[in-house]
Amino acid sequence: MSNSNGVRNGTEKNPYTSSPYTKIGERIGQLRKQAGLKQEELGRAVGVTTQAVSRWENGETEPSVDMRKLIATVLDVPVIQLFDIDVSQLC
C-alpha cells in the first residue's frame, strides 16, 4: 500500500522486486507447517541452521537440488510438491 504521498509503507510484497526463490520458499514453509515442524526442527533434520531454513522461506536463497530431495523426504512429500505446480496439469 502507499500512503497519501505515494510512498510504500513496506507491509506488502512488491511483485516486481520479489525474489525468484519466493515460490519454492513459500511452499517449503507451507509444507513444513503442515508437517507440524518448526524451522529449527526442519533445519536439524536436513543438517542446516534455522537461519538457512528462514532464508529459504523468505525467498533470500534457494536450497540445492540435493537439499530439495532431502527436504521432500523429511516432509514426506514428492519433490514436485516443493514447487507451486498443479501436478494434474502435467499429464
Foldseek 3Di string as FASTA:
>chain_A
DADPVRHDPPPDDDPVPAAPLQQLLCLLVVLCVVLVHQLQRLCVQLVHHSVVNVCSNRRNDHDDPVSLCSSCVVSVHPSCSSGPDDVVVVD
